[in-house]
C-alpha cells in the first residue's frame, strides 16, 4: 500500500537528519522538506516590509498554514508517481487537530495510501543545544526568548491521532543520543519496509 510518512516533532529534535536517514534506507521514496519553502517565505516578509521572524503574528497570519498546504499538496501529487512520500515538517498543531487529520486521511484514501506518523522524541535540553549548534536565522527569536518559546512547545506524544485499529500509525523515534538513534532507525525502517 502507498504511504505518506510524516516525520514530525517540535523544532530541533533532529527531524531533518532522521528524515534523510530514513529516506536513504528505503527504496523508491520521494523526500520533501517544508524548510525548502523558507526561501519563498523570506520573500513574503521582504515584500511586505516585515521583519523576518517566523514566530511573529505576521508569519502566523500570512505564511505558516500556506507552507503546510503547499507541502501536503506536493506530497499528494507525488503519490501518483511513487509508493512512498516522506514529509519532514513539525506538523505540531495539525497532529492535534482531529478534523485536519481526518481530512488528510480521506485525501490519502482516495489515492490508495495510508498515513504513517513518525514522532521524533528528543529531550528539551538536547533540542536547545541542537538549535544553538545549527546556528540558523530561523531560530534567532526562539533562542533569544527561549523560556517564552519553549513554554509554547508541546513535547508530548500526540495522542489525539492514535488509532487503535491501525498498527504503527504512530511510530516513536527516540533521538536524544546516538544509541537511541541507531535502535530507532532499525525499528522504523523495518516497519516501513513491511509492505
N, C-alpha and C. Protein backbone atom coordinates (compact mmCIF):
# COMPACT_ATOMS: atom_id res chain seq x y z
N UNK A 1 0.83 -1.19 0.00
CA UNK A 1 0.00 0.00 0.00
C UNK A 1 0.87 1.25 0.00
N UNK A 2 0.42 2.29 -0.69
CA UNK A 2 1.15 3.56 -0.70
C UNK A 2 1.15 4.17 0.69
N UNK A 3 2.20 4.94 0.98
CA UNK A 3 2.33 5.55 2.30
C UNK A 3 2.73 7.02 2.19
N UNK A 4 2.05 7.87 2.98
CA UNK A 4 2.55 9.21 3.25
C UNK A 4 3.12 9.16 4.65
N UNK A 5 4.41 9.42 4.75
CA UNK A 5 5.13 9.34 6.01
C UNK A 5 5.39 10.77 6.48
N UNK A 6 4.89 11.12 7.65
CA UNK A 6 5.18 12.43 8.23
C UNK A 6 6.20 12.24 9.33
N UNK A 7 7.36 12.87 9.20
CA UNK A 7 8.35 12.85 10.27
C UNK A 7 8.18 14.18 11.01
N UNK A 8 7.73 14.08 12.26
CA UNK A 8 7.25 15.25 12.98
C UNK A 8 7.84 15.35 14.38
N UNK A 9 7.79 16.57 14.91
CA UNK A 9 8.22 16.86 16.28
C UNK A 9 8.37 18.37 16.39
N UNK A 10 8.54 18.88 17.60
CA UNK A 10 8.90 20.29 17.71
C UNK A 10 10.26 20.55 17.05
N UNK A 11 10.58 21.82 16.74
CA UNK A 11 11.86 22.14 16.10
C UNK A 11 13.08 21.66 16.90
N UNK A 12 14.12 21.31 16.16
CA UNK A 12 15.45 20.94 16.68
C UNK A 12 15.48 19.59 17.40
N UNK A 13 14.50 18.74 17.12
CA UNK A 13 14.52 17.38 17.67
C UNK A 13 15.34 16.44 16.79
N UNK A 14 15.77 16.92 15.64
CA UNK A 14 16.56 16.09 14.73
C UNK A 14 15.76 15.55 13.57
N UNK A 15 14.61 16.17 13.26
CA UNK A 15 13.74 15.68 12.18
C UNK A 15 14.46 15.57 10.84
N UNK A 16 15.24 16.58 10.49
CA UNK A 16 15.88 16.57 9.17
C UNK A 16 16.86 15.42 9.04
N UNK A 17 17.72 15.25 10.03
CA UNK A 17 18.68 14.15 9.99
C UNK A 17 17.95 12.81 9.96
N UNK A 18 16.97 12.65 10.84
CA UNK A 18 16.20 11.41 10.91
C UNK A 18 15.50 11.15 9.58
N UNK A 19 14.85 12.18 9.03
CA UNK A 19 14.12 12.04 7.76
C UNK A 19 15.04 11.61 6.63
N UNK A 20 16.20 12.22 6.55
CA UNK A 20 17.13 11.90 5.47
C UNK A 20 17.68 10.48 5.62
N UNK A 21 17.96 10.08 6.85
CA UNK A 21 18.49 8.73 7.06
C UNK A 21 17.42 7.67 6.76
N UNK A 22 16.18 7.93 7.14
CA UNK A 22 15.09 7.00 6.80
C UNK A 22 14.94 6.92 5.29
N UNK A 23 14.96 8.07 4.63
CA UNK A 23 14.79 8.11 3.17
C UNK A 23 15.90 7.36 2.45
N UNK A 24 17.13 7.49 2.94
CA UNK A 24 18.26 6.78 2.33
C UNK A 24 18.10 5.27 2.48
N UNK A 25 17.47 4.85 3.57
CA UNK A 25 17.36 3.41 3.86
C UNK A 25 16.20 2.74 3.13
N UNK A 26 15.30 3.53 2.55
CA UNK A 26 14.13 2.97 1.86
C UNK A 26 14.30 3.06 0.35
N UNK A 27 13.68 2.13 -0.35
CA UNK A 27 13.69 2.19 -1.82
C UNK A 27 12.52 3.03 -2.30
N UNK A 28 12.71 3.71 -3.41
CA UNK A 28 11.63 4.43 -4.07
C UNK A 28 10.85 5.32 -3.13
N UNK A 29 11.46 6.41 -2.72
CA UNK A 29 10.79 7.34 -1.83
C UNK A 29 10.98 8.76 -2.34
N UNK A 30 9.95 9.57 -2.22
CA UNK A 30 10.04 10.99 -2.53
C UNK A 30 10.23 11.71 -1.20
N UNK A 31 11.31 12.48 -1.09
CA UNK A 31 11.63 13.21 0.14
C UNK A 31 11.25 14.68 -0.05
N UNK A 32 10.43 15.20 0.87
CA UNK A 32 10.02 16.61 0.83
C UNK A 32 10.31 17.24 2.19
N UNK A 33 10.91 18.42 2.17
CA UNK A 33 11.25 19.13 3.40
C UNK A 33 10.56 20.48 3.37
N UNK A 34 9.71 20.76 4.37
CA UNK A 34 8.99 22.03 4.40
C UNK A 34 9.95 23.21 4.45
N UNK A 35 11.13 23.01 5.02
CA UNK A 35 12.10 24.11 5.10
C UNK A 35 12.54 24.60 3.71
N UNK A 36 12.36 23.79 2.68
CA UNK A 36 12.69 24.22 1.32
C UNK A 36 11.85 25.44 0.93
N UNK A 37 10.67 25.58 1.55
CA UNK A 37 9.79 26.70 1.24
C UNK A 37 10.20 27.99 1.95
N UNK A 38 11.17 27.94 2.83
CA UNK A 38 11.57 29.12 3.60
C UNK A 38 12.03 30.25 2.68
N UNK A 39 12.68 29.92 1.57
CA UNK A 39 13.12 30.96 0.64
C UNK A 39 11.95 31.79 0.13
N UNK A 40 10.84 31.14 -0.18
CA UNK A 40 9.65 31.86 -0.62
C UNK A 40 9.08 32.69 0.53
N UNK A 41 9.07 32.12 1.72
CA UNK A 41 8.54 32.83 2.88
C UNK A 41 9.35 34.09 3.18
N UNK A 42 10.67 33.98 3.07
CA UNK A 42 11.52 35.15 3.31
C UNK A 42 11.17 36.28 2.33
N UNK A 43 10.86 35.90 1.10
CA UNK A 43 10.49 36.91 0.11
C UNK A 43 9.18 37.60 0.48
N UNK A 44 8.26 36.85 1.07
CA UNK A 44 6.99 37.46 1.51
C UNK A 44 7.26 38.49 2.61
N UNK A 45 8.12 38.15 3.57
CA UNK A 45 8.49 39.12 4.61
C UNK A 45 9.09 40.37 3.97
N UNK A 46 9.97 40.16 3.02
CA UNK A 46 10.67 41.28 2.38
C UNK A 46 9.69 42.19 1.63
N UNK A 47 8.85 41.61 0.81
CA UNK A 47 7.89 42.38 0.01
C UNK A 47 6.91 43.13 0.91
N UNK A 48 6.57 42.52 2.06
CA UNK A 48 5.62 43.15 2.98
C UNK A 48 6.30 44.14 3.94
N UNK A 49 7.61 44.31 3.78
CA UNK A 49 8.38 45.19 4.69
C UNK A 49 8.21 44.79 6.15
N UNK A 50 8.25 43.48 6.37
CA UNK A 50 8.14 42.95 7.73
C UNK A 50 9.49 42.36 8.14
N UNK A 51 9.78 42.46 9.43
CA UNK A 51 10.98 41.84 9.97
C UNK A 51 10.86 40.32 9.81
N UNK A 52 11.97 39.68 9.41
CA UNK A 52 11.95 38.22 9.26
C UNK A 52 11.89 37.59 10.64
N UNK A 53 10.72 37.06 10.99
CA UNK A 53 10.51 36.45 12.29
C UNK A 53 9.43 35.38 12.14
N UNK A 54 9.85 34.14 12.15
CA UNK A 54 8.92 33.01 11.96
C UNK A 54 8.11 32.70 13.20
N UNK A 55 8.24 33.54 14.23
CA UNK A 55 7.41 33.42 15.42
C UNK A 55 6.45 34.61 15.55
N UNK A 56 6.40 35.43 14.52
CA UNK A 56 5.60 36.67 14.58
C UNK A 56 4.14 36.43 14.22
N UNK A 57 3.30 37.40 14.58
CA UNK A 57 1.89 37.37 14.19
C UNK A 57 1.76 37.41 12.67
N UNK A 58 2.64 38.17 12.00
CA UNK A 58 2.60 38.25 10.54
C UNK A 58 2.80 36.87 9.91
N UNK A 59 3.79 36.13 10.42
CA UNK A 59 4.04 34.78 9.91
C UNK A 59 2.82 33.89 10.15
N UNK A 60 2.28 33.95 11.35
CA UNK A 60 1.12 33.12 11.69
C UNK A 60 -0.07 33.41 10.77
N UNK A 61 -0.31 34.66 10.50
CA UNK A 61 -1.49 35.05 9.73
C UNK A 61 -1.33 34.87 8.22
N UNK A 62 -0.10 35.01 7.71
CA UNK A 62 0.08 35.10 6.27
C UNK A 62 0.92 34.00 5.62
N UNK A 63 1.62 33.20 6.43
CA UNK A 63 2.57 32.27 5.82
C UNK A 63 2.44 30.83 6.34
N UNK A 64 2.38 30.66 7.66
CA UNK A 64 2.53 29.33 8.26
C UNK A 64 1.65 28.27 7.64
N UNK A 65 0.34 28.47 7.66
CA UNK A 65 -0.57 27.43 7.17
C UNK A 65 -0.41 27.18 5.68
N UNK A 66 -0.04 28.20 4.94
CA UNK A 66 0.15 28.05 3.49
C UNK A 66 1.35 27.16 3.19
N UNK A 67 2.40 27.27 4.01
CA UNK A 67 3.54 26.36 3.83
C UNK A 67 3.10 24.91 3.97
N UNK A 68 2.28 24.64 4.99
CA UNK A 68 1.80 23.27 5.19
C UNK A 68 0.89 22.83 4.04
N UNK A 69 0.01 23.72 3.59
CA UNK A 69 -0.88 23.37 2.47
C UNK A 69 -0.07 22.98 1.24
N UNK A 70 0.96 23.76 0.94
CA UNK A 70 1.77 23.51 -0.27
C UNK A 70 2.54 22.20 -0.15
N UNK A 71 3.16 21.95 0.99
CA UNK A 71 3.97 20.73 1.10
C UNK A 71 3.08 19.49 1.06
N UNK A 72 1.88 19.56 1.64
CA UNK A 72 0.97 18.42 1.59
C UNK A 72 0.46 18.22 0.16
N UNK A 73 0.14 19.31 -0.55
CA UNK A 73 -0.29 19.19 -1.94
C UNK A 73 0.79 18.55 -2.81
N UNK A 74 2.04 18.94 -2.58
CA UNK A 74 3.16 18.33 -3.33
C UNK A 74 3.24 16.83 -3.03
N UNK A 75 3.06 16.47 -1.77
CA UNK A 75 3.13 15.05 -1.38
C UNK A 75 2.00 14.25 -2.02
N UNK A 76 0.80 14.80 -1.99
CA UNK A 76 -0.34 14.08 -2.59
C UNK A 76 -0.12 13.88 -4.08
N UNK A 77 0.43 14.90 -4.74
CA UNK A 77 0.72 14.77 -6.16
C UNK A 77 1.81 13.71 -6.40
N UNK A 78 2.82 13.70 -5.55
CA UNK A 78 3.92 12.74 -5.70
C UNK A 78 3.45 11.30 -5.55
N UNK A 79 2.40 11.08 -4.76
CA UNK A 79 1.87 9.72 -4.58
C UNK A 79 1.29 9.14 -5.87
N UNK A 80 1.06 9.99 -6.87
CA UNK A 80 0.63 9.49 -8.18
C UNK A 80 1.79 8.81 -8.91
N UNK A 81 3.02 9.06 -8.46
CA UNK A 81 4.20 8.60 -9.19
C UNK A 81 5.10 7.66 -8.41
N UNK A 82 4.92 7.60 -7.10
CA UNK A 82 5.73 6.69 -6.29
C UNK A 82 4.91 6.21 -5.11
N UNK A 83 5.35 5.13 -4.49
CA UNK A 83 4.53 4.49 -3.45
C UNK A 83 4.80 5.04 -2.05
N UNK A 84 5.91 5.73 -1.86
CA UNK A 84 6.21 6.30 -0.55
C UNK A 84 6.64 7.75 -0.70
N UNK A 85 6.03 8.60 0.09
CA UNK A 85 6.41 10.01 0.14
C UNK A 85 6.62 10.36 1.60
N UNK A 86 7.73 11.02 1.89
CA UNK A 86 8.06 11.42 3.25
C UNK A 86 8.10 12.94 3.32
N UNK A 87 7.39 13.51 4.30
CA UNK A 87 7.46 14.96 4.55
C UNK A 87 8.17 15.17 5.88
N UNK A 88 9.19 16.00 5.84
CA UNK A 88 9.92 16.42 7.03
C UNK A 88 9.37 17.80 7.43
N UNK A 89 8.55 17.84 8.48
CA UNK A 89 7.96 19.10 8.95
C UNK A 89 7.39 18.90 10.34
N UNK A 90 7.34 19.95 11.17
CA UNK A 90 6.84 19.78 12.54
C UNK A 90 5.41 19.26 12.65
N UNK A 91 4.46 19.80 11.90
CA UNK A 91 3.05 19.39 11.98
C UNK A 91 2.55 19.36 13.43
N UNK A 92 3.14 20.16 14.30
CA UNK A 92 2.82 20.07 15.73
C UNK A 92 1.37 20.41 16.02
N UNK A 93 0.81 21.40 15.36
CA UNK A 93 -0.61 21.74 15.58
C UNK A 93 -1.52 20.78 14.83
N UNK A 94 -1.15 20.49 13.61
CA UNK A 94 -2.00 19.66 12.75
C UNK A 94 -2.24 18.28 13.35
N UNK A 95 -1.21 17.70 13.96
CA UNK A 95 -1.34 16.36 14.55
C UNK A 95 -2.37 16.32 15.67
N UNK A 96 -2.58 17.44 16.31
CA UNK A 96 -3.51 17.51 17.45
C UNK A 96 -4.89 18.03 17.03
N UNK A 97 -5.06 18.25 15.74
CA UNK A 97 -6.32 18.74 15.19
C UNK A 97 -7.02 17.56 14.51
N UNK A 98 -8.02 17.00 15.19
CA UNK A 98 -8.66 15.77 14.69
C UNK A 98 -9.30 15.96 13.32
N UNK A 99 -9.89 17.12 13.08
CA UNK A 99 -10.53 17.37 11.78
C UNK A 99 -9.48 17.42 10.67
N UNK A 100 -8.37 18.13 10.92
CA UNK A 100 -7.30 18.21 9.92
C UNK A 100 -6.81 16.81 9.55
N UNK A 101 -6.56 16.00 10.57
CA UNK A 101 -6.02 14.67 10.33
C UNK A 101 -7.04 13.77 9.63
N UNK A 102 -8.30 13.89 10.00
CA UNK A 102 -9.35 13.10 9.34
C UNK A 102 -9.43 13.48 7.86
N UNK A 103 -9.38 14.78 7.57
CA UNK A 103 -9.43 15.25 6.17
C UNK A 103 -8.22 14.74 5.38
N UNK A 104 -7.05 14.75 6.01
CA UNK A 104 -5.84 14.27 5.34
C UNK A 104 -5.97 12.77 5.04
N UNK A 105 -6.46 12.01 6.00
CA UNK A 105 -6.63 10.56 5.79
C UNK A 105 -7.64 10.28 4.68
N UNK A 106 -8.67 11.12 4.58
CA UNK A 106 -9.66 10.97 3.50
C UNK A 106 -9.00 11.19 2.14
N UNK A 107 -8.18 12.24 2.03
CA UNK A 107 -7.47 12.52 0.78
C UNK A 107 -6.54 11.37 0.42
N UNK A 108 -5.87 10.82 1.43
CA UNK A 108 -4.95 9.71 1.19
C UNK A 108 -5.69 8.45 0.74
N UNK A 109 -6.85 8.21 1.34
CA UNK A 109 -7.65 7.04 0.96
C UNK A 109 -8.01 7.10 -0.52
N UNK A 110 -8.32 8.32 -1.01
CA UNK A 110 -8.64 8.49 -2.43
C UNK A 110 -7.45 8.14 -3.32
N UNK A 111 -6.24 8.24 -2.78
CA UNK A 111 -5.02 7.91 -3.51
C UNK A 111 -4.59 6.45 -3.28
N UNK A 112 -5.36 5.73 -2.46
CA UNK A 112 -4.96 4.36 -2.12
C UNK A 112 -3.75 4.34 -1.22
N UNK A 113 -3.67 5.35 -0.34
CA UNK A 113 -2.49 5.48 0.52
C UNK A 113 -2.91 5.55 1.98
N UNK A 114 -1.98 5.19 2.85
CA UNK A 114 -2.20 5.29 4.29
C UNK A 114 -1.22 6.30 4.88
N UNK A 115 -1.57 6.79 6.06
CA UNK A 115 -0.73 7.75 6.76
C UNK A 115 0.09 7.05 7.82
N UNK A 116 1.39 7.35 7.85
CA UNK A 116 2.28 6.85 8.90
C UNK A 116 2.95 8.07 9.52
N UNK A 117 2.86 8.18 10.83
CA UNK A 117 3.47 9.32 11.53
C UNK A 117 4.64 8.82 12.34
N UNK A 118 5.78 9.47 12.14
CA UNK A 118 6.97 9.17 12.94
C UNK A 118 7.19 10.38 13.84
N UNK A 119 7.03 10.19 15.12
CA UNK A 119 7.20 11.25 16.10
C UNK A 119 8.62 11.15 16.66
N UNK A 120 9.44 12.18 16.40
CA UNK A 120 10.82 12.19 16.86
C UNK A 120 10.83 12.73 18.30
N UNK A 121 11.23 11.88 19.21
CA UNK A 121 11.20 12.21 20.63
C UNK A 121 12.62 12.52 21.10
N UNK A 122 12.80 13.75 21.56
CA UNK A 122 14.12 14.22 21.99
C UNK A 122 13.94 15.08 23.24
N UNK A 123 14.90 15.04 24.14
CA UNK A 123 14.78 15.85 25.36
C UNK A 123 14.89 17.34 25.02
N UNK A 124 14.26 18.16 25.85
CA UNK A 124 14.28 19.61 25.65
C UNK A 124 15.71 20.14 25.68
N UNK A 125 16.53 19.59 26.58
CA UNK A 125 17.93 20.05 26.70
C UNK A 125 18.71 19.77 25.43
N UNK A 126 18.51 18.58 24.84
CA UNK A 126 19.20 18.23 23.60
C UNK A 126 18.71 19.14 22.47
N UNK A 127 17.41 19.42 22.43
CA UNK A 127 16.87 20.32 21.40
C UNK A 127 17.48 21.71 21.50
N UNK A 128 17.59 22.22 22.71
CA UNK A 128 18.18 23.55 22.91
C UNK A 128 19.60 23.59 22.37
N UNK A 129 20.38 22.58 22.71
CA UNK A 129 21.77 22.55 22.25
C UNK A 129 21.85 22.40 20.73
N UNK A 130 20.98 21.59 20.15
CA UNK A 130 20.98 21.42 18.70
C UNK A 130 20.61 22.73 18.00
N UNK A 131 19.69 23.49 18.59
CA UNK A 131 19.30 24.76 17.99
C UNK A 131 20.48 25.74 18.03
N UNK A 132 21.20 25.73 19.13
CA UNK A 132 22.39 26.58 19.23
C UNK A 132 23.42 26.15 18.19
N UNK A 133 23.65 24.85 18.09
CA UNK A 133 24.67 24.31 17.17
C UNK A 133 24.34 24.56 15.71
N UNK A 134 23.05 24.50 15.33
CA UNK A 134 22.73 24.68 13.91
C UNK A 134 22.82 26.13 13.48
N UNK A 135 22.76 27.06 14.45
CA UNK A 135 23.05 28.48 14.19
C UNK A 135 22.29 29.02 12.98
N UNK A 136 20.97 28.82 12.98
CA UNK A 136 20.13 29.24 11.85
C UNK A 136 19.37 30.51 12.20
N UNK A 137 19.22 31.41 11.20
CA UNK A 137 18.49 32.65 11.46
C UNK A 137 17.02 32.40 11.80
N UNK A 138 16.48 31.26 11.39
CA UNK A 138 15.08 30.96 11.73
C UNK A 138 14.90 30.74 13.23
N UNK A 139 16.02 30.51 13.96
CA UNK A 139 15.96 30.24 15.39
C UNK A 139 16.33 31.45 16.25
N UNK A 140 16.67 32.56 15.63
CA UNK A 140 17.17 33.72 16.39
C UNK A 140 16.20 34.14 17.49
N UNK A 141 14.93 34.34 17.11
CA UNK A 141 13.96 34.77 18.11
C UNK A 141 13.78 33.69 19.17
N UNK A 142 13.72 32.44 18.76
CA UNK A 142 13.50 31.34 19.70
C UNK A 142 14.60 31.30 20.76
N UNK A 143 15.84 31.43 20.32
CA UNK A 143 16.96 31.36 21.26
C UNK A 143 17.02 32.60 22.15
N UNK A 144 16.69 33.75 21.59
CA UNK A 144 16.70 34.99 22.38
C UNK A 144 15.58 35.02 23.42
N UNK A 145 14.51 34.29 23.16
CA UNK A 145 13.35 34.26 24.05
C UNK A 145 13.06 32.80 24.44
N UNK A 146 14.09 32.07 24.82
CA UNK A 146 13.98 30.63 25.00
C UNK A 146 12.85 30.21 25.94
N UNK A 147 12.77 30.84 27.10
CA UNK A 147 11.75 30.43 28.07
C UNK A 147 10.35 30.64 27.52
N UNK A 148 10.13 31.76 26.86
CA UNK A 148 8.81 32.04 26.25
C UNK A 148 8.53 31.05 25.13
N UNK A 149 9.54 30.81 24.30
CA UNK A 149 9.38 29.89 23.17
C UNK A 149 9.07 28.47 23.65
N UNK A 150 9.88 27.96 24.56
CA UNK A 150 9.76 26.56 24.96
C UNK A 150 8.46 26.32 25.74
N UNK A 151 7.96 27.35 26.41
CA UNK A 151 6.69 27.23 27.13
C UNK A 151 5.53 26.96 26.16
N UNK A 152 5.68 27.40 24.91
CA UNK A 152 4.64 27.19 23.90
C UNK A 152 4.80 25.91 23.09
N UNK A 153 5.83 25.13 23.38
CA UNK A 153 6.07 23.88 22.65
C UNK A 153 5.48 22.70 23.41
N UNK A 154 4.96 21.76 22.66
CA UNK A 154 4.39 20.55 23.28
C UNK A 154 5.24 19.36 22.86
N UNK A 155 6.01 18.83 23.79
CA UNK A 155 6.89 17.70 23.51
C UNK A 155 6.22 16.35 23.78
N UNK A 156 4.96 16.39 24.20
CA UNK A 156 4.25 15.14 24.47
C UNK A 156 3.82 14.47 23.17
N UNK A 157 3.80 13.16 23.17
CA UNK A 157 3.34 12.41 22.01
C UNK A 157 1.90 12.82 21.67
N UNK A 158 1.60 13.00 20.40
CA UNK A 158 0.24 13.42 20.01
C UNK A 158 -0.75 12.25 20.10
N UNK A 159 -1.37 12.12 21.24
CA UNK A 159 -2.30 11.01 21.48
C UNK A 159 -3.62 11.16 20.73
N UNK A 160 -3.93 12.40 20.30
CA UNK A 160 -5.20 12.66 19.61
C UNK A 160 -5.36 11.83 18.34
N UNK A 161 -4.26 11.45 17.73
CA UNK A 161 -4.36 10.75 16.44
C UNK A 161 -4.09 9.26 16.54
N UNK A 162 -3.88 8.77 17.73
CA UNK A 162 -3.60 7.35 17.87
C UNK A 162 -4.86 6.55 17.56
N UNK A 163 -4.80 5.77 16.51
CA UNK A 163 -5.95 4.97 16.06
C UNK A 163 -5.74 3.53 16.51
N UNK A 164 -6.53 3.06 17.47
CA UNK A 164 -6.33 1.69 17.98
C UNK A 164 -6.53 0.61 16.93
N UNK A 165 -7.22 0.95 15.84
CA UNK A 165 -7.45 -0.03 14.77
C UNK A 165 -6.31 -0.09 13.76
N UNK A 166 -5.35 0.82 13.90
CA UNK A 166 -4.26 0.90 12.92
C UNK A 166 -2.93 0.63 13.62
N UNK A 167 -2.25 -0.43 13.22
CA UNK A 167 -0.95 -0.76 13.78
C UNK A 167 0.10 0.17 13.16
N UNK A 168 0.99 0.68 13.96
CA UNK A 168 2.10 1.52 13.51
C UNK A 168 1.65 2.82 12.83
N UNK A 169 0.50 3.37 13.23
CA UNK A 169 0.13 4.67 12.67
C UNK A 169 0.97 5.79 13.31
N UNK A 170 1.43 5.56 14.54
CA UNK A 170 2.39 6.47 15.17
C UNK A 170 3.59 5.63 15.60
N UNK A 171 4.74 5.97 15.06
CA UNK A 171 5.98 5.27 15.41
C UNK A 171 6.86 6.26 16.16
N UNK A 172 7.30 5.90 17.33
CA UNK A 172 8.15 6.78 18.13
C UNK A 172 9.61 6.53 17.75
N UNK A 173 10.29 7.62 17.42
CA UNK A 173 11.71 7.57 17.06
C UNK A 173 12.48 8.31 18.14
N UNK A 174 13.10 7.56 19.04
CA UNK A 174 13.87 8.18 20.13
C UNK A 174 15.19 8.69 19.58
N UNK A 175 15.51 9.97 19.91
CA UNK A 175 16.65 10.60 19.26
C UNK A 175 17.42 11.56 20.17
N UNK A 176 17.59 11.17 21.43
CA UNK A 176 18.36 12.02 22.33
C UNK A 176 19.83 11.62 22.40
N UNK A 177 20.17 10.48 21.80
CA UNK A 177 21.57 10.01 21.82
C UNK A 177 21.83 9.18 20.57
N UNK A 178 23.09 8.91 20.30
CA UNK A 178 23.47 8.08 19.14
C UNK A 178 22.90 6.67 19.30
N UNK A 179 22.93 6.15 20.52
CA UNK A 179 22.42 4.80 20.78
C UNK A 179 20.91 4.72 20.48
N UNK A 180 20.18 5.73 20.96
CA UNK A 180 18.73 5.76 20.68
C UNK A 180 18.47 5.84 19.19
N UNK A 181 19.25 6.70 18.50
CA UNK A 181 19.06 6.85 17.06
C UNK A 181 19.27 5.51 16.35
N UNK A 182 20.35 4.82 16.65
CA UNK A 182 20.65 3.55 15.97
C UNK A 182 19.55 2.52 16.18
N UNK A 183 19.05 2.42 17.38
CA UNK A 183 17.98 1.48 17.67
C UNK A 183 16.70 1.87 16.94
N UNK A 184 16.39 3.16 16.95
CA UNK A 184 15.16 3.65 16.32
C UNK A 184 15.19 3.51 14.81
N UNK A 185 16.30 3.80 14.18
CA UNK A 185 16.35 3.75 12.70
C UNK A 185 16.10 2.32 12.23
N UNK A 186 16.68 1.35 12.90
CA UNK A 186 16.47 -0.05 12.51
C UNK A 186 15.00 -0.44 12.65
N UNK A 187 14.39 -0.04 13.76
CA UNK A 187 12.99 -0.34 14.03
C UNK A 187 12.07 0.30 12.98
N UNK A 188 12.28 1.58 12.70
CA UNK A 188 11.41 2.31 11.77
C UNK A 188 11.53 1.77 10.35
N UNK A 189 12.74 1.55 9.89
CA UNK A 189 12.94 1.06 8.53
C UNK A 189 12.31 -0.32 8.36
N UNK A 190 12.44 -1.16 9.37
CA UNK A 190 11.83 -2.49 9.30
C UNK A 190 10.31 -2.37 9.18
N UNK A 191 9.71 -1.49 9.95
CA UNK A 191 8.25 -1.31 9.89
C UNK A 191 7.81 -0.74 8.55
N UNK A 192 8.56 0.22 8.01
CA UNK A 192 8.17 0.84 6.75
C UNK A 192 8.38 -0.07 5.55
N UNK A 193 9.26 -1.04 5.69
CA UNK A 193 9.52 -1.98 4.60
C UNK A 193 8.63 -3.21 4.65
N UNK A 194 7.70 -3.29 5.62
CA UNK A 194 6.86 -4.48 5.77
C UNK A 194 6.03 -4.78 4.53
N UNK A 195 5.50 -3.77 3.89
CA UNK A 195 4.64 -3.99 2.71
C UNK A 195 5.46 -4.10 1.44
